[in-house]
Amino acid sequence: MSTEAAPERDQSPPTLTLCPGGPMIVRGDVVVQDEDGVRHRSHRGVSAVCRCGKSALAPWCDGTHKLLPGGR
């Protein structure tokens, strides 16, 4: 039996920032459910969620929005 304490996780709610013409930036642990009901978890400090619907890494942003008309 290990006596090491588990690392504490930040229990504060994630914060969201919408980037004009780009992704939704999420700070904190997040679970994103896609249109098929599949849940995708990110443990990264900062994640970018696709809003253009064209990412090859959906639900995560891969920068494809920059190639679309009006993208940044």
Protein backbone atom coordinates (compact mmCIF):
# COMPACT_ATOMS: atom_id res chain seq x y z
CA MET A 1 0.00 0.00 0.00
CA SER A 2 1.41 3.37 -1.02
CA THR A 3 1.59 6.23 1.45
CA GLU A 4 2.02 8.87 -1.27
CA ALA A 5 -0.76 11.41 -1.44
CA ALA A 6 -2.57 11.83 -4.73
CA PRO A 7 -1.86 15.19 -6.39
CA GLU A 8 -4.58 17.73 -5.68
CA ARG A 9 -6.72 18.77 -8.62
CA ASP A 10 -8.04 22.25 -9.14
CA GLN A 11 -11.75 22.00 -8.42
CA SER A 12 -12.61 25.47 -9.72
CA PRO A 13 -14.95 25.55 -12.72
CA PRO A 14 -13.37 25.89 -16.16
CA THR A 15 -13.33 29.30 -17.81
CA LEU A 16 -14.37 29.79 -21.44
CA THR A 17 -13.14 32.35 -23.96
CA LEU A 18 -14.63 32.59 -27.46
CA CYS A 19 -12.04 33.60 -30.04
CA PRO A 20 -13.57 35.61 -32.91
CA GLY A 21 -13.42 33.42 -36.03
CA GLY A 22 -11.67 30.69 -34.05
CA PRO A 23 -12.01 28.13 -31.29
CA MET A 24 -13.42 28.22 -27.79
CA ILE A 25 -10.54 28.28 -25.31
CA VAL A 26 -11.19 26.32 -22.13
CA ARG A 27 -8.98 26.72 -19.06
CA GLY A 28 -9.25 23.79 -16.63
CA ASP A 29 -10.26 20.13 -16.87
CA VAL A 30 -13.08 19.64 -19.35
CA VAL A 31 -15.26 16.94 -20.88
CA VAL A 32 -16.70 17.74 -24.32
CA GLN A 33 -19.54 15.63 -25.67
CA ASP A 34 -19.68 15.50 -29.47
CA GLU A 35 -22.78 15.26 -31.67
CA ASP A 36 -22.62 11.44 -31.52
CA GLY A 37 -22.63 11.47 -27.71
CA VAL A 38 -18.96 10.49 -27.41
CA ARG A 39 -17.30 12.15 -24.43
CA HIS A 40 -13.77 13.55 -24.88
CA ARG A 41 -11.81 14.48 -21.74
CA SER A 42 -8.92 16.90 -21.61
CA HIS A 43 -6.62 17.19 -18.60
CA ARG A 44 -4.59 19.98 -20.17
CA GLY A 45 -4.48 23.35 -18.48
CA VAL A 46 -5.72 24.99 -21.69
CA SER A 47 -7.69 23.31 -24.50
CA ALA A 48 -9.07 24.70 -27.77
CA VAL A 49 -12.48 23.37 -28.83
CA CYS A 50 -13.32 23.58 -32.55
CA ARG A 51 -16.22 25.85 -33.47
CA CYS A 52 -15.89 25.78 -37.29
CA GLY A 53 -16.76 22.08 -37.57
CA LYS A 54 -13.89 21.33 -39.97
CA SER A 55 -11.14 20.12 -37.60
CA ALA A 56 -9.56 16.73 -38.29
CA LEU A 57 -9.03 16.45 -34.52
CA ALA A 58 -12.63 17.21 -33.52
CA PRO A 59 -13.75 18.16 -31.01
CA TRP A 60 -10.35 19.83 -30.58
CA CYS A 61 -9.20 22.69 -32.81
CA ASP A 62 -6.44 21.97 -35.33
CA GLY A 63 -6.29 25.49 -36.84
CA THR A 64 -8.36 24.68 -39.96
CA HIS A 65 -10.52 27.75 -39.30
CA LYS A 66 -7.56 29.86 -40.46
CA LEU A 67 -7.93 28.38 -43.98
CA LEU A 68 -11.66 29.12 -44.23
CA PRO A 69 -13.12 32.36 -45.63
CA GLY A 70 -13.16 34.88 -42.79
CA GLY A 71 -10.87 32.72 -40.63
CA ARG A 72 -8.12 34.22 -38.52
